[in-house]
Amino acid sequence: IIWNSESITWLLDDVAFLEADLSWESMSEFQQYFFFIMNVAVGGGWPGYPDGTTQFPQRMIVDYVRVFQPTR
């Protein structure tokens, strides 16, 4: 993710696949300080709600999270 004062761009394998314009007043919350929450969510529209074939428990292994900040 490349996040600056103008936009947030999501990349996969260095290829941009989504960009959000942050210049709109309704996007002002993205100009505030943030923190990361990572979880293993269950249910919802994708991939669907758990059923008898869903394997529990699940886990998420994160190797690292790297955050770059521009030099001032």
PDB file of N, CA and C in Angstrom:
ATOM      1  N   ILE A   1       0.853  -1.177   0.000  1.00  0.00           N
ATOM      2  CA  ILE A   1       0.000   0.000   0.000  1.00  0.00           C
ATOM      3  C   ILE A   1       0.893   1.233   0.000  1.00  0.00           C
ATOM      4  N   ILE A   2       0.610   2.135  -0.899  1.00  0.00           N
ATOM      5  CA  ILE A   2       1.278   3.435  -0.912  1.00  0.00           C
ATOM      6  C   ILE A   2       0.234   4.455  -0.475  1.00  0.00           C
ATOM      7  N   TRP A   3       0.482   5.077   0.660  1.00  0.00           N
ATOM      8  CA  TRP A   3      -0.485   5.987   1.266  1.00  0.00           C
ATOM      9  C   TRP A   3       0.188   7.331   1.468  1.00  0.00           C
ATOM     10  N   ASN A   4      -0.306   8.343   0.772  1.00  0.00           N
ATOM     11  CA  ASN A   4       0.202   9.691   0.955  1.00  0.00           C
ATOM     12  C   ASN A   4      -0.972  10.642   1.147  1.00  0.00           C
ATOM     13  N   SER A   5      -0.728  11.927   1.182  1.00  0.00           N
ATOM     14  CA  SER A   5      -1.797  12.883   1.471  1.00  0.00           C
ATOM     15  C   SER A   5      -2.827  13.000   0.350  1.00  0.00           C
ATOM     16  N   GLU A   6      -2.500  12.552  -0.843  1.00  0.00           N
ATOM     17  CA  GLU A   6      -3.424  12.659  -1.978  1.00  0.00           C
ATOM     18  C   GLU A   6      -4.206  11.384  -2.269  1.00  0.00           C
ATOM     19  N   SER A   7      -3.601  10.211  -1.965  1.00  0.00           N
ATOM     20  CA  SER A   7      -4.256   8.962  -2.376  1.00  0.00           C
ATOM     21  C   SER A   7      -3.715   7.777  -1.590  1.00  0.00           C
ATOM     22  N   ILE A   8      -4.464   6.683  -1.692  1.00  0.00           N
ATOM     23  CA  ILE A   8      -3.997   5.377  -1.215  1.00  0.00           C
ATOM     24  C   ILE A   8      -4.029   4.459  -2.429  1.00  0.00           C
ATOM     25  N   THR A   9      -2.911   3.803  -2.701  1.00  0.00           N
ATOM     26  CA  THR A   9      -2.822   2.883  -3.837  1.00  0.00           C
ATOM     27  C   THR A   9      -2.462   1.508  -3.321  1.00  0.00           C
ATOM     28  N   TRP A  10      -3.251   0.509  -3.722  1.00  0.00           N
ATOM     29  CA  TRP A  10      -2.995  -0.879  -3.344  1.00  0.00           C
ATOM     30  C   TRP A  10      -2.302  -1.580  -4.505  1.00  0.00           C
ATOM     31  N   LEU A  11      -1.239  -2.317  -4.177  1.00  0.00           N
ATOM     32  CA  LEU A  11      -0.477  -3.034  -5.188  1.00  0.00           C
ATOM     33  C   LEU A  11      -0.381  -4.505  -4.822  1.00  0.00           C
ATOM     34  N   LEU A  12      -0.292  -5.340  -5.836  1.00  0.00           N
ATOM     35  CA  LEU A  12      -0.020  -6.760  -5.661  1.00  0.00           C
ATOM     36  C   LEU A  12       1.095  -7.106  -6.628  1.00  0.00           C
ATOM     37  N   ASP A  13       2.190  -7.605  -6.109  1.00  0.00           N
ATOM     38  CA  ASP A  13       3.372  -7.889  -6.932  1.00  0.00           C
ATOM     39  C   ASP A  13       3.790  -6.655  -7.723  1.00  0.00           C
ATOM     40  N   ASP A  14       3.797  -5.513  -7.055  1.00  0.00           N
ATOM     41  CA  ASP A  14       4.204  -4.220  -7.623  1.00  0.00           C
ATOM     42  C   ASP A  14       3.304  -3.720  -8.751  1.00  0.00           C
ATOM     43  N   VAL A  15       2.089  -4.255  -8.869  1.00  0.00           N
ATOM     44  CA  VAL A  15       1.136  -3.792  -9.879  1.00  0.00           C
ATOM     45  C   VAL A  15      -0.056  -3.177  -9.150  1.00  0.00           C
ATOM     46  N   ALA A  16      -0.330  -1.894  -9.431  1.00  0.00           N
ATOM     47  CA  ALA A  16      -1.448  -1.206  -8.790  1.00  0.00           C
ATOM     48  C   ALA A  16      -2.768  -1.803  -9.273  1.00  0.00           C
ATOM     49  N   PHE A  17      -3.666  -2.116  -8.326  1.00  0.00           N
ATOM     50  CA  PHE A  17      -4.967  -2.633  -8.725  1.00  0.00           C
ATOM     51  C   PHE A  17      -6.127  -1.811  -8.184  1.00  0.00           C
ATOM     52  N   LEU A  18      -5.869  -0.845  -7.287  1.00  0.00           N
ATOM     53  CA  LEU A  18      -6.929   0.019  -6.768  1.00  0.00           C
ATOM     54  C   LEU A  18      -6.303   1.297  -6.244  1.00  0.00           C
ATOM     55  N   GLU A  19      -6.981   2.421  -6.478  1.00  0.00           N
ATOM     56  CA  GLU A  19      -6.505   3.693  -5.939  1.00  0.00           C
ATOM     57  C   GLU A  19      -7.695   4.479  -5.408  1.00  0.00           C
ATOM     58  N   ALA A  20      -7.548   5.041  -4.207  1.00  0.00           N
ATOM     59  CA  ALA A  20      -8.583   5.871  -3.594  1.00  0.00           C
ATOM     60  C   ALA A  20      -8.092   7.314  -3.559  1.00  0.00           C
ATOM     61  N   ASP A  21      -8.916   8.216  -4.063  1.00  0.00           N
ATOM     62  CA  ASP A  21      -8.606   9.645  -4.061  1.00  0.00           C
ATOM     63  C   ASP A  21      -8.972  10.206  -2.683  1.00  0.00           C
ATOM     64  N   LEU A  22      -8.008  10.784  -1.981  1.00  0.00           N
ATOM     65  CA  LEU A  22      -8.242  11.296  -0.636  1.00  0.00           C
ATOM     66  C   LEU A  22      -8.551  12.786  -0.609  1.00  0.00           C
ATOM     67  N   SER A  23      -8.725  13.418  -1.746  1.00  0.00           N
ATOM     68  CA  SER A  23      -8.954  14.857  -1.789  1.00  0.00           C
ATOM     69  C   SER A  23     -10.379  15.240  -1.398  1.00  0.00           C
ATOM     70  N   TRP A  24     -11.299  14.281  -1.385  1.00  0.00           N
ATOM     71  CA  TRP A  24     -12.690  14.561  -1.035  1.00  0.00           C
ATOM     72  C   TRP A  24     -12.817  14.822   0.459  1.00  0.00           C
ATOM     73  N   GLU A  25     -13.685  15.734   0.852  1.00  0.00           N
ATOM     74  CA  GLU A  25     -13.923  16.040   2.266  1.00  0.00           C
ATOM     75  C   GLU A  25     -14.376  14.798   3.022  1.00  0.00           C
ATOM     76  N   SER A  26     -15.128  13.932   2.377  1.00  0.00           N
ATOM     77  CA  SER A  26     -15.620  12.710   3.025  1.00  0.00           C
ATOM     78  C   SER A  26     -14.495  11.717   3.328  1.00  0.00           C
ATOM     79  N   MET A  27     -13.303  11.949   2.808  1.00  0.00           N
ATOM     80  CA  MET A  27     -12.160  11.062   3.052  1.00  0.00           C
ATOM     81  C   MET A  27     -11.203  11.654   4.084  1.00  0.00           C
ATOM     82  N   SER A  28     -11.619  12.668   4.826  1.00  0.00           N
ATOM     83  CA  SER A  28     -10.727  13.368   5.754  1.00  0.00           C
ATOM     84  C   SER A  28     -10.197  12.471   6.866  1.00  0.00           C
ATOM     85  N   GLU A  29     -10.918  11.412   7.220  1.00  0.00           N
ATOM     86  CA  GLU A  29     -10.416  10.518   8.274  1.00  0.00           C
ATOM     87  C   GLU A  29      -9.111   9.836   7.874  1.00  0.00           C
ATOM     88  N   PHE A  30      -8.829   9.762   6.593  1.00  0.00           N
ATOM     89  CA  PHE A  30      -7.586   9.145   6.132  1.00  0.00           C
ATOM     90  C   PHE A  30      -6.392  10.098   6.242  1.00  0.00           C
ATOM     91  N   GLN A  31      -6.628  11.301   6.731  1.00  0.00           N
ATOM     92  CA  GLN A  31      -5.547  12.246   6.994  1.00  0.00           C
ATOM     93  C   GLN A  31      -5.136  12.207   8.474  1.00  0.00           C
ATOM     94  N   GLN A  32      -5.730  11.311   9.250  1.00  0.00           N
ATOM     95  CA  GLN A  32      -5.459  11.184  10.677  1.00  0.00           C
ATOM     96  C   GLN A  32      -4.464  10.049  10.922  1.00  0.00           C
ATOM     97  N   TYR A  33      -3.989   9.939  12.169  1.00  0.00           N
ATOM     98  CA  TYR A  33      -3.108   8.836  12.543  1.00  0.00           C
ATOM     99  C   TYR A  33      -3.878   7.519  12.520  1.00  0.00           C
ATOM    100  N   PHE A  34      -3.203   6.454  12.138  1.00  0.00           N
ATOM    101  CA  PHE A  34      -3.821   5.139  12.017  1.00  0.00           C
ATOM    102  C   PHE A  34      -2.992   4.087  12.722  1.00  0.00           C
ATOM    103  N   PHE A  35      -3.591   2.934  12.953  1.00  0.00           N
ATOM    104  CA  PHE A  35      -2.882   1.752  13.410  1.00  0.00           C
ATOM    105  C   PHE A  35      -3.437   0.566  12.649  1.00  0.00           C
ATOM    106  N   PHE A  36      -2.712  -0.528  12.659  1.00  0.00           N
ATOM    107  CA  PHE A  36      -3.097  -1.715  11.901  1.00  0.00           C
ATOM    108  C   PHE A  36      -3.820  -2.705  12.803  1.00  0.00           C
ATOM    109  N   ILE A  37      -4.896  -3.284  12.285  1.00  0.00           N
ATOM    110  CA  ILE A  37      -5.566  -4.411  12.929  1.00  0.00           C
ATOM    111  C   ILE A  37      -5.576  -5.531  11.904  1.00  0.00           C
ATOM    112  N   MET A  38      -5.014  -6.662  12.264  1.00  0.00           N
ATOM    113  CA  MET A  38      -5.016  -7.821  11.371  1.00  0.00           C
ATOM    114  C   MET A  38      -5.750  -8.953  12.084  1.00  0.00           C
ATOM    115  N   ASN A  39      -6.696  -9.553  11.402  1.00  0.00           N
ATOM    116  CA  ASN A  39      -7.430 -10.646  12.020  1.00  0.00           C
ATOM    117  C   ASN A  39      -7.796 -11.701  10.980  1.00  0.00           C
ATOM    118  N   VAL A  40      -8.229 -12.821  11.453  1.00  0.00           N
ATOM    119  CA  VAL A  40      -8.748 -13.873  10.585  1.00  0.00           C
ATOM    120  C   VAL A  40     -10.268 -13.789  10.692  1.00  0.00           C
ATOM    121  N   ALA A  41     -10.876 -13.077   9.760  1.00  0.00           N
ATOM    122  CA  ALA A  41     -12.320 -12.871   9.792  1.00  0.00           C
ATOM    123  C   ALA A  41     -13.035 -14.117   9.275  1.00  0.00           C
ATOM    124  N   VAL A  42     -14.206 -14.372   9.827  1.00  0.00           N
ATOM    125  CA  VAL A  42     -15.009 -15.527   9.431  1.00  0.00           C
ATOM    126  C   VAL A  42     -16.386 -15.022   9.029  1.00  0.00           C
ATOM    127  N   GLY A  43     -16.827 -15.446   7.847  1.00  0.00           N
ATOM    128  CA  GLY A  43     -18.169 -15.092   7.392  1.00  0.00           C
ATOM    129  C   GLY A  43     -18.162 -13.877   6.488  1.00  0.00           C
ATOM    130  N   GLY A  44     -19.327 -13.571   5.965  1.00  0.00           N
ATOM    131  CA  GLY A  44     -19.477 -12.425   5.082  1.00  0.00           C
ATOM    132  C   GLY A  44     -19.705 -12.855   3.647  1.00  0.00           C
ATOM    133  N   GLY A  45     -19.748 -11.859   2.770  1.00  0.00           N
ATOM    134  CA  GLY A  45     -20.054 -12.109   1.370  1.00  0.00           C
ATOM    135  C   GLY A  45     -18.992 -12.909   0.633  1.00  0.00           C
ATOM    136  N   TRP A  46     -17.743 -12.784   1.054  1.00  0.00           N
ATOM    137  CA  TRP A  46     -16.678 -13.553   0.410  1.00  0.00           C
ATOM    138  C   TRP A  46     -15.750 -14.073   1.478  1.00  0.00           C
ATOM    139  N   PRO A  47     -15.429 -15.264   1.545  1.00  0.00           N
ATOM    140  CA  PRO A  47     -15.839 -16.363   0.669  1.00  0.00           C
ATOM    141  C   PRO A  47     -17.165 -16.984   1.066  1.00  0.00           C
ATOM    142  N   GLY A  48     -17.834 -16.442   2.051  1.00  0.00           N
ATOM    143  CA  GLY A  48     -19.123 -16.964   2.491  1.00  0.00           C
ATOM    144  C   GLY A  48     -19.085 -17.318   3.964  1.00  0.00           C
ATOM    145  N   TYR A  49     -20.233 -17.685   4.492  1.00  0.00           N
ATOM    146  CA  TYR A  49     -20.334 -18.023   5.907  1.00  0.00           C
ATOM    147  C   TYR A  49     -19.814 -19.435   6.158  1.00  0.00           C
ATOM    148  N   PRO A  50     -19.318 -19.682   7.367  1.00  0.00           N
ATOM    149  CA  PRO A  50     -18.796 -21.023   7.666  1.00  0.00           C
ATOM    150  C   PRO A  50     -19.908 -22.067   7.628  1.00  0.00           C
ATOM    151  N   ASP A  51     -19.518 -23.273   7.254  1.00  0.00           N
ATOM    152  CA  ASP A  51     -20.456 -24.403   7.260  1.00  0.00           C
ATOM    153  C   ASP A  51     -19.716 -25.633   7.775  1.00  0.00           C
ATOM    154  N   GLY A  52     -20.266 -26.794   7.551  1.00  0.00           N
ATOM    155  CA  GLY A  52     -19.661 -28.020   8.048  1.00  0.00           C
ATOM    156  C   GLY A  52     -18.297 -28.336   7.464  1.00  0.00           C
ATOM    157  N   THR A  53     -17.961 -27.723   6.332  1.00  0.00           N
ATOM    158  CA  THR A  53     -16.656 -27.987   5.708  1.00  0.00           C
ATOM    159  C   THR A  53     -15.577 -26.999   6.166  1.00  0.00           C
ATOM    160  N   THR A  54     -15.975 -25.988   6.928  1.00  0.00           N
ATOM    161  CA  THR A  54     -15.026 -24.979   7.390  1.00  0.00           C
ATOM    162  C   THR A  54     -14.115 -25.574   8.458  1.00  0.00           C
ATOM    163  N   GLN A  55     -12.820 -25.405   8.276  1.00  0.00           N
ATOM    164  CA  GLN A  55     -11.858 -25.956   9.225  1.00  0.00           C
ATOM    165  C   GLN A  55     -11.553 -24.938  10.317  1.00  0.00           C
ATOM    166  N   PHE A  56     -11.759 -25.367  11.539  1.00  0.00           N
ATOM    167  CA  PHE A  56     -11.417 -24.546  12.707  1.00  0.00           C
ATOM    168  C   PHE A  56     -10.502 -25.347  13.597  1.00  0.00           C
ATOM    169  N   PRO A  57      -9.607 -24.760  14.370  1.00  0.00           N
ATOM    170  CA  PRO A  57      -9.309 -23.324  14.345  1.00  0.00           C
ATOM    171  C   PRO A  57      -8.437 -22.958  13.150  1.00  0.00           C
ATOM    172  N   GLN A  58      -8.426 -21.683  12.842  1.00  0.00           N
ATOM    173  CA  GLN A  58      -7.568 -21.137  11.793  1.00  0.00           C
ATOM    174  C   GLN A  58      -6.542 -20.220  12.429  1.00  0.00           C
ATOM    175  N   ARG A  59      -5.511 -19.890  11.666  1.00  0.00           N
ATOM    176  CA  ARG A  59      -4.514 -18.959  12.159  1.00  0.00           C
ATOM    177  C   ARG A  59      -3.953 -18.154  11.005  1.00  0.00           C
ATOM    178  N   MET A  60      -3.412 -17.020  11.329  1.00  0.00           N
ATOM    179  CA  MET A  60      -2.763 -16.161  10.349  1.00  0.00           C
ATOM    180  C   MET A  60      -1.327 -15.968  10.826  1.00  0.00           C
ATOM    181  N   ILE A  61      -0.390 -16.265   9.965  1.00  0.00           N
ATOM    182  CA  ILE A  61       1.014 -16.101  10.297  1.00  0.00           C
ATOM    183  C   ILE A  61       1.531 -14.906   9.493  1.00  0.00           C
ATOM    184  N   VAL A  62       2.004 -13.888  10.189  1.00  0.00           N
ATOM    185  CA  VAL A  62       2.527 -12.686   9.548  1.00  0.00           C
ATOM    186  C   VAL A  62       4.033 -12.691   9.713  1.00  0.00           C
ATOM    187  N   ASP A  63       4.731 -12.704   8.604  1.00  0.00           N
ATOM    188  CA  ASP A  63       6.187 -12.694   8.640  1.00  0.00           C
ATOM    189  C   ASP A  63       6.687 -11.340   9.117  1.00  0.00           C
ATOM    190  N   TYR A  64       6.177 -10.266   8.518  1.00  0.00           N
ATOM    191  CA  TYR A  64       6.543  -8.927   8.963  1.00  0.00           C
ATOM    192  C   TYR A  64       5.582  -7.918   8.354  1.00  0.00           C
ATOM    193  N   VAL A  65       5.527  -6.763   8.966  1.00  0.00           N
ATOM    194  CA  VAL A  65       4.814  -5.610   8.433  1.00  0.00           C
ATOM    195  C   VAL A  65       5.845  -4.492   8.345  1.00  0.00           C
ATOM    196  N   ARG A  66       5.958  -3.917   7.194  1.00  0.00           N
ATOM    197  CA  ARG A  66       6.956  -2.864   6.996  1.00  0.00           C
ATOM    198  C   ARG A  66       6.217  -1.587   6.607  1.00  0.00           C
ATOM    199  N   VAL A  67       6.545  -0.509   7.267  1.00  0.00           N
ATOM    200  CA  VAL A  67       5.937   0.786   6.984  1.00  0.00           C
ATOM    201  C   VAL A  67       7.052   1.752   6.616  1.00  0.00           C
ATOM    202  N   PHE A  68       6.925   2.358   5.464  1.00  0.00           N
ATOM    203  CA  PHE A  68       7.877   3.360   5.022  1.00  0.00           C
ATOM    204  C   PHE A  68       7.268   4.742   5.211  1.00  0.00           C
ATOM    205  N   GLN A  69       8.075   5.674   5.641  1.00  0.00           N
ATOM    206  CA  GLN A  69       7.624   7.046   5.762  1.00  0.00           C
ATOM    207  C   GLN A  69       8.566   7.927   4.935  1.00  0.00           C
ATOM    208  N   PRO A  70       7.992   8.928   4.279  1.00  0.00           N
ATOM    209  CA  PRO A  70       8.865   9.806   3.499  1.00  0.00           C
ATOM    210  C   PRO A  70       9.811  10.569   4.431  1.00  0.00           C
ATOM    211  N   THR A  71      11.003  10.838   3.939  1.00  0.00           N
ATOM    212  CA  THR A  71      11.941  11.646   4.721  1.00  0.00           C
ATOM    213  C   THR A  71      11.487  13.089   4.689  1.00  0.00           C
ATOM    214  N   ARG A  72      11.707  13.763   5.778  1.00  0.00           N
ATOM    215  CA  ARG A  72      11.220  15.160   5.867  1.00  0.00           C
ATOM    216  C   ARG A  72      12.321  16.119   5.558  1.00  0.00           C
TER     217      ARG A  72
END
